[in-house]
Amino acid sequence: MIISSRLRNFGLLTFLLLVAIHANAQQAISLYGGAIPGAKPTPADYVEETITREDKIVRTSKVSKPELYIYQPATPNGTAVIICPGGGYGILAIDKEGHDVAKKFQEIGVTAFVLKYRLPSDLIMKDKSTGPMQDALQAIYLVRKNASLWGVDPNKIGIMGFSAGGHLASSASVHYNDMKIDNQENISLRPSFSILIYPVINFGQYTHAGSVKNLLGETPTDQQRKYFSSEYQVNAQTPPAFMVHANTDKTVPVQNSLRYNEALVKNGVSAELHAYQAGGHGFGLYNKTTKDDWFERLKNWMQANNW
């Protein structure tokens, strides 16, 4: 699946102005500097929809203008994480699985980028199956290209995702060479590592049916199902991964993480999996069924790997 595009890159001045903001502030930038490759003209009635709670946007849908929300620590440690919220490729749980998580990273010195990616839609995309992954790879490109402006080491840029966002993060981890963007500098689009929280991995027996339908339509082919089942695409160059899942997850079965972990181990790739006895699906930062804090486990893993 190859997409050729010509993206208009942001000027240096734009990024310098963004970096000059208060260290603890959070700013959003457009993911593309101009027209989005592979996009159709957005219909007039295709308007972004949000659900708010206590003056915060907790969910958003019908995204046609993807953005990166930047959370820069006061003292960056050089590591960056691009966060993909979940929502079955139908909505984005952008607060619980995006902004809240970015703030946690910011507290420990990690520069975080919340990705408000386009949700698959035939109305705004020529190929809806590749639209979200194009946005994820474009985000990696922008962060790596401009790493020095945010105090980021280009070799320490990871991608993170929850649920369907975990599918997007794993897809970017195994298909980073499949999709061509306007990358004249030939910057690597391979994430340095991935963080997958109750991720959708398998598009077959153990999948989340809604994610498959939203991304591939009503009747995906066997070839499509295999291509988007990330465990079948792992090789020795796949980035190391940290995974969290609950054994009681009825929405996205734990077999998704188990299979991805098995594939990584088989290919000699470093991996760590925490499977909790309970917690269900969609618990975000806090699995209330355990006294354990998975974010602390993640921090230990990142420190052990010099991230």
C-alpha atoms as a PDB file:
ATOM      1  CA  MET A   1       0.000   0.000   0.000  1.00  0.00           C
ATOM      2  CA  ILE A   2       1.920   3.016  -1.287  1.00  0.00           C
ATOM      3  CA  ILE A   3       0.747   6.615  -1.123  1.00  0.00           C
ATOM      4  CA  SER A   4       2.777   9.283  -2.911  1.00  0.00           C
ATOM      5  CA  SER A   5       2.289  12.830  -1.677  1.00  0.00           C
ATOM      6  CA  ARG A   6       3.707  16.301  -1.674  1.00  0.00           C
ATOM      7  CA  LEU A   7       3.366  17.839   1.781  1.00  0.00           C
ATOM      8  CA  ARG A   8       4.068  21.466   2.435  1.00  0.00           C
ATOM      9  CA  ASN A   9       6.446  21.534   5.397  1.00  0.00           C
ATOM     10  CA  PHE A  10       6.284  24.111   8.146  1.00  0.00           C
ATOM     11  CA  GLY A  11       8.904  26.845   8.175  1.00  0.00           C
ATOM     12  CA  LEU A  12      11.560  27.027  10.838  1.00  0.00           C
ATOM     13  CA  LEU A  13      10.105  30.239  12.214  1.00  0.00           C
ATOM     14  CA  THR A  14       6.775  28.549  12.898  1.00  0.00           C
ATOM     15  CA  PHE A  15       8.400  25.863  15.003  1.00  0.00           C
ATOM     16  CA  LEU A  16      10.634  28.340  16.839  1.00  0.00           C
ATOM     17  CA  LEU A  17       7.576  30.331  17.802  1.00  0.00           C
ATOM     18  CA  LEU A  18       5.897  27.185  19.090  1.00  0.00           C
ATOM     19  CA  VAL A  19       8.921  26.260  21.171  1.00  0.00           C
ATOM     20  CA  ALA A  20       9.064  29.745  22.639  1.00  0.00           C
ATOM     21  CA  ILE A  21       5.745  29.255  24.462  1.00  0.00           C
ATOM     22  CA  HIS A  22       5.674  28.622  28.193  1.00  0.00           C
ATOM     23  CA  ALA A  23       7.202  25.222  28.937  1.00  0.00           C
ATOM     24  CA  ASN A  24       4.097  23.813  30.611  1.00  0.00           C
ATOM     25  CA  ALA A  25       1.684  25.148  28.028  1.00  0.00           C
ATOM     26  CA  GLN A  26       0.017  22.921  25.486  1.00  0.00           C
ATOM     27  CA  GLN A  27      -0.302  24.017  21.872  1.00  0.00           C
ATOM     28  CA  ALA A  28      -1.757  22.441  18.762  1.00  0.00           C
ATOM     29  CA  ILE A  29      -0.267  22.518  15.289  1.00  0.00           C
ATOM     30  CA  SER A  30      -1.720  21.309  12.016  1.00  0.00           C
ATOM     31  CA  LEU A  31      -0.292  17.948  10.972  1.00  0.00           C
ATOM     32  CA  TYR A  32      -0.078  19.058   7.334  1.00  0.00           C
ATOM     33  CA  GLY A  33       1.094  22.428   6.097  1.00  0.00           C
ATOM     34  CA  GLY A  34      -1.292  22.395   3.134  1.00  0.00           C
ATOM     35  CA  ALA A  35      -3.547  20.012   1.276  1.00  0.00           C
ATOM     36  CA  ILE A  36      -3.700  16.500   2.728  1.00  0.00           C
ATOM     37  CA  PRO A  37      -2.500  13.862   0.274  1.00  0.00           C
ATOM     38  CA  GLY A  38      -5.140  11.291  -0.596  1.00  0.00           C
ATOM     39  CA  ALA A  39      -7.937  13.424   0.813  1.00  0.00           C
ATOM     40  CA  LYS A  40     -11.216  14.295  -0.859  1.00  0.00           C
ATOM     41  CA  PRO A  41     -12.781  17.744  -0.517  1.00  0.00           C
ATOM     42  CA  THR A  42     -14.499  17.829   2.875  1.00  0.00           C
ATOM     43  CA  PRO A  43     -18.313  18.012   2.484  1.00  0.00           C
ATOM     44  CA  ALA A  44     -19.906  21.082   4.029  1.00  0.00           C
ATOM     45  CA  ASP A  45     -21.875  18.978   6.503  1.00  0.00           C
ATOM     46  CA  TYR A  46     -18.828  16.946   7.589  1.00  0.00           C
ATOM     47  CA  VAL A  47     -18.096  19.000  10.702  1.00  0.00           C
ATOM     48  CA  GLU A  48     -16.005  17.892  13.648  1.00  0.00           C
ATOM     49  CA  GLU A  49     -18.178  16.818  16.577  1.00  0.00           C
ATOM     50  CA  THR A  50     -17.127  16.957  20.216  1.00  0.00           C
ATOM     51  CA  ILE A  51     -18.493  15.836  23.569  1.00  0.00           C
ATOM     52  CA  THR A  52     -17.458  17.983  26.513  1.00  0.00           C
ATOM     53  CA  ARG A  53     -17.499  17.406  30.247  1.00  0.00           C
ATOM     54  CA  GLU A  54     -16.552  20.054  32.791  1.00  0.00           C
ATOM     55  CA  ASP A  55     -15.387  22.327  29.975  1.00  0.00           C
ATOM     56  CA  LYS A  56     -13.058  19.651  28.602  1.00  0.00           C
ATOM     57  CA  ILE A  57     -13.383  17.913  25.250  1.00  0.00           C
ATOM     58  CA  VAL A  58     -13.497  14.240  26.182  1.00  0.00           C
ATOM     59  CA  ARG A  59     -14.444  12.803  22.782  1.00  0.00           C
ATOM     60  CA  THR A  60     -14.197  13.975  19.226  1.00  0.00           C
ATOM     61  CA  SER A  61     -15.260  12.551  15.874  1.00  0.00           C
ATOM     62  CA  LYS A  62     -15.489  13.497  12.191  1.00  0.00           C
ATOM     63  CA  VAL A  63     -11.918  14.782  12.240  1.00  0.00           C
ATOM     64  CA  SER A  64     -10.937  16.251   8.873  1.00  0.00           C
ATOM     65  CA  LYS A  65      -8.067  18.484  10.046  1.00  0.00           C
ATOM     66  CA  PRO A  66      -5.548  16.343  11.950  1.00  0.00           C
ATOM     67  CA  GLU A  67      -3.449  18.040  14.607  1.00  0.00           C
ATOM     68  CA  LEU A  68      -0.640  17.435  17.069  1.00  0.00           C
ATOM     69  CA  TYR A  69      -1.057  18.728  20.624  1.00  0.00           C
ATOM     70  CA  ILE A  70       2.349  19.405  22.144  1.00  0.00           C
ATOM     71  CA  TYR A  71       3.161  18.880  25.831  1.00  0.00           C
ATOM     72  CA  GLN A  72       6.721  20.024  26.442  1.00  0.00           C
ATOM     73  CA  PRO A  73       8.296  19.498  29.886  1.00  0.00           C
ATOM     74  CA  ALA A  74      10.180  22.249  31.652  1.00  0.00           C
ATOM     75  CA  THR A  75      13.318  20.114  31.338  1.00  0.00           C
ATOM     76  CA  PRO A  76      12.988  17.654  28.433  1.00  0.00           C
ATOM     77  CA  ASN A  77      14.919  14.397  28.912  1.00  0.00           C
ATOM     78  CA  GLY A  78      15.214  13.832  25.164  1.00  0.00           C
ATOM     79  CA  THR A  79      12.469  11.212  24.771  1.00  0.00           C
ATOM     80  CA  ALA A  80       9.207  11.855  22.905  1.00  0.00           C
ATOM     81  CA  VAL A  81       6.000   9.845  22.686  1.00  0.00           C
ATOM     82  CA  ILE A  82       3.267  10.321  20.070  1.00  0.00           C
ATOM     83  CA  ILE A  83      -0.067   9.266  21.617  1.00  0.00           C
ATOM     84  CA  CYS A  84      -2.936   7.821  19.554  1.00  0.00           C
ATOM     85  CA  PRO A  85      -6.255   7.808  21.466  1.00  0.00           C
ATOM     86  CA  GLY A  86      -8.637   4.909  20.945  1.00  0.00           C
ATOM     87  CA  GLY A  87     -12.294   4.767  20.031  1.00  0.00           C
ATOM     88  CA  GLY A  88     -12.826   1.919  17.581  1.00  0.00           C
ATOM     89  CA  TYR A  89     -11.815   4.111  14.614  1.00  0.00           C
ATOM     90  CA  GLY A  90     -15.198   5.797  15.134  1.00  0.00           C
ATOM     91  CA  ILE A  91     -14.376   8.418  17.780  1.00  0.00           C
ATOM     92  CA  LEU A  92     -11.299   9.578  19.665  1.00  0.00           C
ATOM     93  CA  ALA A  93     -11.280   9.325  23.473  1.00  0.00           C
ATOM     94  CA  ILE A  94      -8.919  12.256  23.303  1.00  0.00           C
ATOM     95  CA  ASP A  95      -8.954  13.303  26.959  1.00  0.00           C
ATOM     96  CA  LYS A  96      -8.756   9.996  28.863  1.00  0.00           C
ATOM     97  CA  GLU A  97      -6.466   8.321  26.328  1.00  0.00           C
ATOM     98  CA  GLY A  98      -4.709  11.425  25.076  1.00  0.00           C
ATOM     99  CA  HIS A  99      -4.326  14.629  27.065  1.00  0.00           C
ATOM    100  CA  ASP A 100      -4.376  12.983  30.512  1.00  0.00           C
ATOM    101  CA  VAL A 101      -1.612  10.625  29.432  1.00  0.00           C
ATOM    102  CA  ALA A 102       0.441  13.413  27.857  1.00  0.00           C
ATOM    103  CA  LYS A 103       0.398  15.310  31.155  1.00  0.00           C
ATOM    104  CA  LYS A 104       1.806  12.250  32.942  1.00  0.00           C
ATOM    105  CA  PHE A 105       4.662  12.048  30.462  1.00  0.00           C
ATOM    106  CA  GLN A 106       5.260  15.780  30.804  1.00  0.00           C
ATOM    107  CA  GLU A 107       5.687  15.320  34.571  1.00  0.00           C
ATOM    108  CA  ILE A 108       8.548  12.842  34.070  1.00  0.00           C
ATOM    109  CA  GLY A 109      10.387  14.903  31.454  1.00  0.00           C
ATOM    110  CA  VAL A 110       9.076  13.150  28.326  1.00  0.00           C
ATOM    111  CA  THR A 111       7.838  15.391  25.513  1.00  0.00           C
ATOM    112  CA  ALA A 112       4.377  14.176  24.528  1.00  0.00           C
ATOM    113  CA  PHE A 113       2.383  14.727  21.352  1.00  0.00           C
ATOM    114  CA  VAL A 114      -1.324  13.856  21.280  1.00  0.00           C
ATOM    115  CA  LEU A 115      -2.314  12.926  17.746  1.00  0.00           C
ATOM    116  CA  LYS A 116      -5.808  13.945  16.685  1.00  0.00           C
ATOM    117  CA  TYR A 117      -5.871  11.723  13.630  1.00  0.00           C
ATOM    118  CA  ARG A 118      -8.480  11.470  10.909  1.00  0.00           C
ATOM    119  CA  LEU A 119     -10.978   8.690  11.436  1.00  0.00           C
ATOM    120  CA  PRO A 120     -11.543   6.460   8.383  1.00  0.00           C
ATOM    121  CA  SER A 121     -14.276   7.797   6.123  1.00  0.00           C
ATOM    122  CA  ASP A 122     -15.080   7.353   2.453  1.00  0.00           C
ATOM    123  CA  LEU A 123     -16.449  10.901   2.519  1.00  0.00           C
ATOM    124  CA  ILE A 124     -13.056  12.535   3.072  1.00  0.00           C
ATOM    125  CA  MET A 125     -10.534   9.872   1.995  1.00  0.00           C
ATOM    126  CA  LYS A 126      -9.777   8.140  -1.271  1.00  0.00           C
ATOM    127  CA  ASP A 127      -8.655   5.087   0.730  1.00  0.00           C
ATOM    128  CA  LYS A 128      -9.990   5.143   4.263  1.00  0.00           C
ATOM    129  CA  SER A 129      -7.947   2.093   5.270  1.00  0.00           C
ATOM    130  CA  THR A 130      -4.694   4.052   4.980  1.00  0.00           C
ATOM    131  CA  GLY A 131      -5.781   7.511   6.177  1.00  0.00           C
ATOM    132  CA  PRO A 132      -5.117   7.048   9.926  1.00  0.00           C
ATOM    133  CA  MET A 133      -1.752   5.351   9.331  1.00  0.00           C
ATOM    134  CA  GLN A 134      -0.721   8.165   6.980  1.00  0.00           C
ATOM    135  CA  ASP A 135      -1.410  10.629   9.809  1.00  0.00           C
ATOM    136  CA  ALA A 136       0.594   8.548  12.301  1.00  0.00           C
ATOM    137  CA  LEU A 137       3.614   8.358   9.987  1.00  0.00           C
ATOM    138  CA  GLN A 138       3.350  12.049   9.173  1.00  0.00           C
ATOM    139  CA  ALA A 139       3.450  12.745  12.910  1.00  0.00           C
ATOM    140  CA  ILE A 140       6.620  10.662  13.291  1.00  0.00           C
ATOM    141  CA  TYR A 141       8.144  12.517  10.344  1.00  0.00           C
ATOM    142  CA  LEU A 142       7.382  15.969  11.764  1.00  0.00           C
ATOM    143  CA  VAL A 143       8.593  15.160  15.274  1.00  0.00           C
ATOM    144  CA  ARG A 144      11.808  13.530  14.051  1.00  0.00           C
ATOM    145  CA  LYS A 145      12.526  16.254  11.484  1.00  0.00           C
ATOM    146  CA  ASN A 146      12.139  18.990  14.089  1.00  0.00           C
ATOM    147  CA  ALA A 147      13.402  17.044  17.104  1.00  0.00           C
ATOM    148  CA  SER A 148      16.060  19.576  18.104  1.00  0.00           C
ATOM    149  CA  LEU A 149      13.463  22.344  18.362  1.00  0.00           C
ATOM    150  CA  TRP A 150      11.672  20.430  21.122  1.00  0.00           C
ATOM    151  CA  GLY A 151      14.769  19.099  22.852  1.00  0.00           C
ATOM    152  CA  VAL A 152      14.104  15.591  21.542  1.00  0.00           C
ATOM    153  CA  ASP A 153      16.636  12.938  20.569  1.00  0.00           C
ATOM    154  CA  PRO A 154      15.573  11.685  17.098  1.00  0.00           C
ATOM    155  CA  ASN A 155      16.563   8.169  18.187  1.00  0.00           C
ATOM    156  CA  LYS A 156      14.122   8.257  21.124  1.00  0.00           C
ATOM    157  CA  ILE A 157      10.745   8.889  19.482  1.00  0.00           C
ATOM    158  CA  GLY A 158       8.104   6.300  20.321  1.00  0.00           C
ATOM    159  CA  ILE A 159       4.459   5.809  19.450  1.00  0.00           C
ATOM    160  CA  MET A 160       1.677   4.887  21.862  1.00  0.00           C
ATOM    161  CA  GLY A 161      -1.920   3.841  21.403  1.00  0.00           C
ATOM    162  CA  PHE A 162      -4.985   2.714  23.312  1.00  0.00           C
ATOM    163  CA  SER A 163      -7.419   0.139  21.902  1.00  0.00           C
ATOM    164  CA  ALA A 164      -7.912   1.048  18.203  1.00  0.00           C
ATOM    165  CA  GLY A 165      -5.229   3.675  18.756  1.00  0.00           C
ATOM    166  CA  GLY A 166      -3.062   0.726  19.758  1.00  0.00           C
ATOM    167  CA  HIS A 167      -3.851  -0.849  16.419  1.00  0.00           C
ATOM    168  CA  LEU A 168      -2.761   2.362  14.730  1.00  0.00           C
ATOM    169  CA  ALA A 169       0.469   2.467  16.780  1.00  0.00           C
ATOM    170  CA  SER A 170       1.258  -1.182  16.028  1.00  0.00           C
ATOM    171  CA  SER A 171       0.439  -0.645  12.333  1.00  0.00           C
ATOM    172  CA  ALA A 172       2.912   2.231  12.211  1.00  0.00           C
ATOM    173  CA  SER A 173       5.436  -0.049  13.920  1.00  0.00           C
ATOM    174  CA  VAL A 174       5.188  -2.819  11.322  1.00  0.00           C
ATOM    175  CA  HIS A 175       4.246  -0.879   8.167  1.00  0.00           C
ATOM    176  CA  TYR A 176       6.492   2.188   8.482  1.00  0.00           C
ATOM    177  CA  ASN A 177       8.133   1.418   5.137  1.00  0.00           C
ATOM    178  CA  ASP A 178       4.894   0.724   3.262  1.00  0.00           C
ATOM    179  CA  MET A 179       3.514   4.215   2.898  1.00  0.00           C
ATOM    180  CA  LYS A 180       5.435   6.963   1.168  1.00  0.00           C
ATOM    181  CA  ILE A 181       5.042  10.561   2.282  1.00  0.00           C
ATOM    182  CA  ASP A 182       6.861  13.674   1.103  1.00  0.00           C
ATOM    183  CA  ASN A 183      10.113  12.875   2.883  1.00  0.00           C
ATOM    184  CA  GLN A 184      12.867  14.488   0.861  1.00  0.00           C
ATOM    185  CA  GLU A 185      15.274  14.188   3.772  1.00  0.00           C
ATOM    186  CA  ASN A 186      14.760  10.397   3.817  1.00  0.00           C
ATOM    187  CA  ILE A 187      14.025  10.517   7.523  1.00  0.00           C
ATOM    188  CA  SER A 188      13.282   7.142   9.083  1.00  0.00           C
ATOM    189  CA  LEU A 189       9.616   6.689   9.933  1.00  0.00           C
ATOM    190  CA  ARG A 190      10.317   3.718  12.207  1.00  0.00           C
ATOM    191  CA  PRO A 191       9.238   4.416  15.797  1.00  0.00           C
ATOM    192  CA  SER A 192      12.017   3.861  18.328  1.00  0.00           C
ATOM    193  CA  PHE A 193       9.576   1.926  20.527  1.00  0.00           C
ATOM    194  CA  SER A 194       5.853   1.359  20.919  1.00  0.00           C
ATOM    195  CA  ILE A 195       3.534   1.428  23.935  1.00  0.00           C
ATOM    196  CA  LEU A 196       0.318  -0.530  23.407  1.00  0.00           C
ATOM    197  CA  ILE A 197      -2.471  -0.322  25.975  1.00  0.00           C
ATOM    198  CA  TYR A 198      -5.267  -2.909  25.540  1.00  0.00           C
ATOM    199  CA  PRO A 199      -4.516  -2.727  21.797  1.00  0.00           C
ATOM    200  CA  VAL A 200      -6.457  -4.108  18.869  1.00  0.00           C
ATOM    201  CA  ILE A 201      -3.838  -6.227  17.080  1.00  0.00           C
ATOM    202  CA  ASN A 202      -5.648  -9.078  15.383  1.00  0.00           C
ATOM    203  CA  PHE A 203      -8.227  -8.514  12.630  1.00  0.00           C
ATOM    204  CA  GLY A 204      -9.352 -12.137  12.644  1.00  0.00           C
ATOM    205  CA  GLN A 205     -10.594 -14.404  15.412  1.00  0.00           C
ATOM    206  CA  TYR A 206      -9.806 -12.089  18.337  1.00  0.00           C
ATOM    207  CA  THR A 207     -10.531  -8.738  16.801  1.00  0.00           C
ATOM    208  CA  HIS A 208     -12.815  -5.871  17.732  1.00  0.00           C
ATOM    209  CA  ALA A 209     -15.463  -6.044  15.025  1.00  0.00           C
ATOM    210  CA  GLY A 210     -16.233  -2.329  15.110  1.00  0.00           C
ATOM    211  CA  SER A 211     -12.623  -1.368  14.418  1.00  0.00           C
ATOM    212  CA  VAL A 212     -12.470  -3.714  11.430  1.00  0.00           C
ATOM    213  CA  LYS A 213     -15.749  -2.419   9.996  1.00  0.00           C
ATOM    214  CA  ASN A 214     -14.793   1.235  10.416  1.00  0.00           C
ATOM    215  CA  LEU A 215     -11.351   0.798   8.882  1.00  0.00           C
ATOM    216  CA  LEU A 216     -12.018  -1.771   6.148  1.00  0.00           C
ATOM    217  CA  GLY A 217     -15.769  -1.723   5.562  1.00  0.00           C
ATOM    218  CA  GLU A 218     -18.400  -4.439   5.736  1.00  0.00           C
ATOM    219  CA  THR A 219     -16.606  -7.118   3.697  1.00  0.00           C
ATOM    220  CA  PRO A 220     -12.820  -6.978   4.119  1.00  0.00           C
ATOM    221  CA  THR A 221     -10.806  -9.508   2.165  1.00  0.00           C
ATOM    222  CA  ASP A 222      -8.641 -12.141   3.818  1.00  0.00           C
ATOM    223  CA  GLN A 223      -5.625 -10.297   2.448  1.00  0.00           C
ATOM    224  CA  GLN A 224      -6.732  -7.053   4.137  1.00  0.00           C
ATOM    225  CA  ARG A 225      -7.396  -8.830   7.425  1.00  0.00           C
ATOM    226  CA  LYS A 226      -3.917 -10.356   7.413  1.00  0.00           C
ATOM    227  CA  TYR A 227      -2.195  -7.109   6.405  1.00  0.00           C
ATOM    228  CA  PHE A 228      -3.857  -5.244   9.270  1.00  0.00           C
ATOM    229  CA  SER A 229      -3.227  -8.039  11.797  1.00  0.00           C
ATOM    230  CA  SER A 230      -0.001  -6.632  13.165  1.00  0.00           C
ATOM    231  CA  GLU A 231       1.218  -9.874  14.719  1.00  0.00           C
ATOM    232  CA  TYR A 232       1.632 -11.363  11.227  1.00  0.00           C
ATOM    233  CA  GLN A 233       3.774  -8.422  10.090  1.00  0.00           C
ATOM    234  CA  VAL A 234       6.395  -8.449  12.857  1.00  0.00           C
ATOM    235  CA  ASN A 235      10.029  -8.962  11.871  1.00  0.00           C
ATOM    236  CA  ALA A 236      13.443  -8.430  13.463  1.00  0.00           C
ATOM    237  CA  GLN A 237      13.284  -4.677  12.719  1.00  0.00           C
ATOM    238  CA  THR A 238       9.967  -4.132  14.511  1.00  0.00           C
ATOM    239  CA  PRO A 239      10.412  -1.676  17.417  1.00  0.00           C
ATOM    240  CA  PRO A 240      10.458  -2.956  21.007  1.00  0.00           C
ATOM    241  CA  ALA A 241       7.072  -2.826  22.715  1.00  0.00           C
ATOM    242  CA  PHE A 242       5.517  -2.387  26.145  1.00  0.00           C
ATOM    243  CA  MET A 243       1.987  -3.762  26.487  1.00  0.00           C
ATOM    244  CA  VAL A 244      -0.787  -3.629  29.065  1.00  0.00           C
ATOM    245  CA  HIS A 245      -3.996  -5.656  28.957  1.00  0.00           C
ATOM    246  CA  ALA A 246      -6.605  -7.130  31.292  1.00  0.00           C
ATOM    247  CA  ASN A 247      -7.464 -10.834  31.165  1.00  0.00           C
ATOM    248  CA  THR A 248     -11.128  -9.872  31.608  1.00  0.00           C
ATOM    249  CA  ASP A 249     -11.229  -7.619  28.553  1.00  0.00           C
ATOM    250  CA  LYS A 250     -14.349  -8.680  26.642  1.00  0.00           C
ATOM    251  CA  THR A 251     -14.144  -5.875  24.069  1.00  0.00           C
ATOM    252  CA  VAL A 252     -10.599  -6.518  22.847  1.00  0.00           C
ATOM    253  CA  PRO A 253      -9.491  -9.955  24.101  1.00  0.00           C
ATOM    254  CA  VAL A 254      -6.112 -10.261  25.789  1.00  0.00           C
ATOM    255  CA  GLN A 255      -5.057 -12.617  22.972  1.00  0.00           C
ATOM    256  CA  ASN A 256      -4.345  -9.473  20.927  1.00  0.00           C
ATOM    257  CA  SER A 257      -1.442  -8.518  23.191  1.00  0.00           C
ATOM    258  CA  LEU A 258      -0.420 -12.138  23.774  1.00  0.00           C
ATOM    259  CA  ARG A 259      -0.066 -12.762  20.048  1.00  0.00           C
ATOM    260  CA  TYR A 260       1.895  -9.576  19.431  1.00  0.00           C
ATOM    261  CA  ASN A 261       4.194 -10.367  22.335  1.00  0.00           C
ATOM    262  CA  GLU A 262       4.735 -13.897  20.999  1.00  0.00           C
ATOM    263  CA  ALA A 263       5.566 -12.571  17.531  1.00  0.00           C
ATOM    264  CA  LEU A 264       8.081 -10.090  18.959  1.00  0.00           C
ATOM    265  CA  VAL A 265       9.774 -12.773  21.045  1.00  0.00           C
ATOM    266  CA  LYS A 266       9.916 -15.117  18.043  1.00  0.00           C
ATOM    267  CA  ASN A 267      11.718 -12.414  16.055  1.00  0.00           C
ATOM    268  CA  GLY A 268      14.151 -11.508  18.808  1.00  0.00           C
ATOM    269  CA  VAL A 269      12.559  -8.143  19.584  1.00  0.00           C
ATOM    270  CA  SER A 270      12.498  -6.860  23.156  1.00  0.00           C
ATOM    271  CA  ALA A 271       9.006  -6.835  24.665  1.00  0.00           C
ATOM    272  CA  GLU A 272       7.299  -6.489  28.034  1.00  0.00           C
ATOM    273  CA  LEU A 273       3.686  -7.443  28.712  1.00  0.00           C
ATOM    274  CA  HIS A 274       1.614  -6.788  31.842  1.00  0.00           C
ATOM    275  CA  ALA A 275      -1.605  -8.819  31.864  1.00  0.00           C
ATOM    276  CA  TYR A 276      -3.797  -7.895  34.827  1.00  0.00           C
ATOM    277  CA  GLN A 277      -6.238 -10.368  36.340  1.00  0.00           C
ATOM    278  CA  ALA A 278      -9.107  -7.904  35.934  1.00  0.00           C
ATOM    279  CA  GLY A 279      -9.932  -4.428  34.690  1.00  0.00           C
ATOM    280  CA  GLY A 280     -11.948  -4.939  31.530  1.00  0.00           C
ATOM    281  CA  HIS A 281     -11.442  -2.515  28.659  1.00  0.00           C
ATOM    282  CA  GLY A 282     -10.878   1.212  28.430  1.00  0.00           C
ATOM    283  CA  PHE A 283      -9.490   1.876  31.913  1.00  0.00           C
ATOM    284  CA  GLY A 284      -7.056   4.515  30.678  1.00  0.00           C
ATOM    285  CA  LEU A 285      -4.341   5.433  33.150  1.00  0.00           C
ATOM    286  CA  TYR A 286      -6.010   3.774  36.123  1.00  0.00           C
ATOM    287  CA  ASN A 287      -7.007   0.130  36.402  1.00  0.00           C
ATOM    288  CA  LYS A 288      -9.075   0.373  39.581  1.00  0.00           C
ATOM    289  CA  THR A 289      -9.103  -3.394  40.135  1.00  0.00           C
ATOM    290  CA  THR A 290      -5.437  -3.442  41.148  1.00  0.00           C
ATOM    291  CA  LYS A 291      -3.169  -1.486  43.445  1.00  0.00           C
ATOM    292  CA  ASP A 292      -0.513  -1.653  40.752  1.00  0.00           C
ATOM    293  CA  ASP A 293       0.184   1.405  38.600  1.00  0.00           C
ATOM    294  CA  TRP A 294       0.956   0.403  35.017  1.00  0.00           C
ATOM    295  CA  PHE A 295       2.401   3.826  34.239  1.00  0.00           C
ATOM    296  CA  GLU A 296       5.055   3.203  36.908  1.00  0.00           C
ATOM    297  CA  ARG A 297       5.847  -0.131  35.212  1.00  0.00           C
ATOM    298  CA  LEU A 298       6.115   1.758  31.920  1.00  0.00           C
ATOM    299  CA  LYS A 299       8.445   4.343  33.466  1.00  0.00           C
ATOM    300  CA  ASN A 300      10.698   1.548  34.774  1.00  0.00           C
ATOM    301  CA  TRP A 301      10.759  -0.082  31.324  1.00  0.00           C
ATOM    302  CA  MET A 302      11.645   3.193  29.653  1.00  0.00           C
ATOM    303  CA  GLN A 303      14.424   3.859  32.151  1.00  0.00           C
ATOM    304  CA  ALA A 304      15.808   0.331  31.700  1.00  0.00           C
ATOM    305  CA  ASN A 305      16.020   0.961  27.943  1.00  0.00           C
ATOM    306  CA  ASN A 306      17.514   4.459  28.294  1.00  0.00           C
ATOM    307  CA  TRP A 307      14.356   6.175  27.025  1.00  0.00           C
END
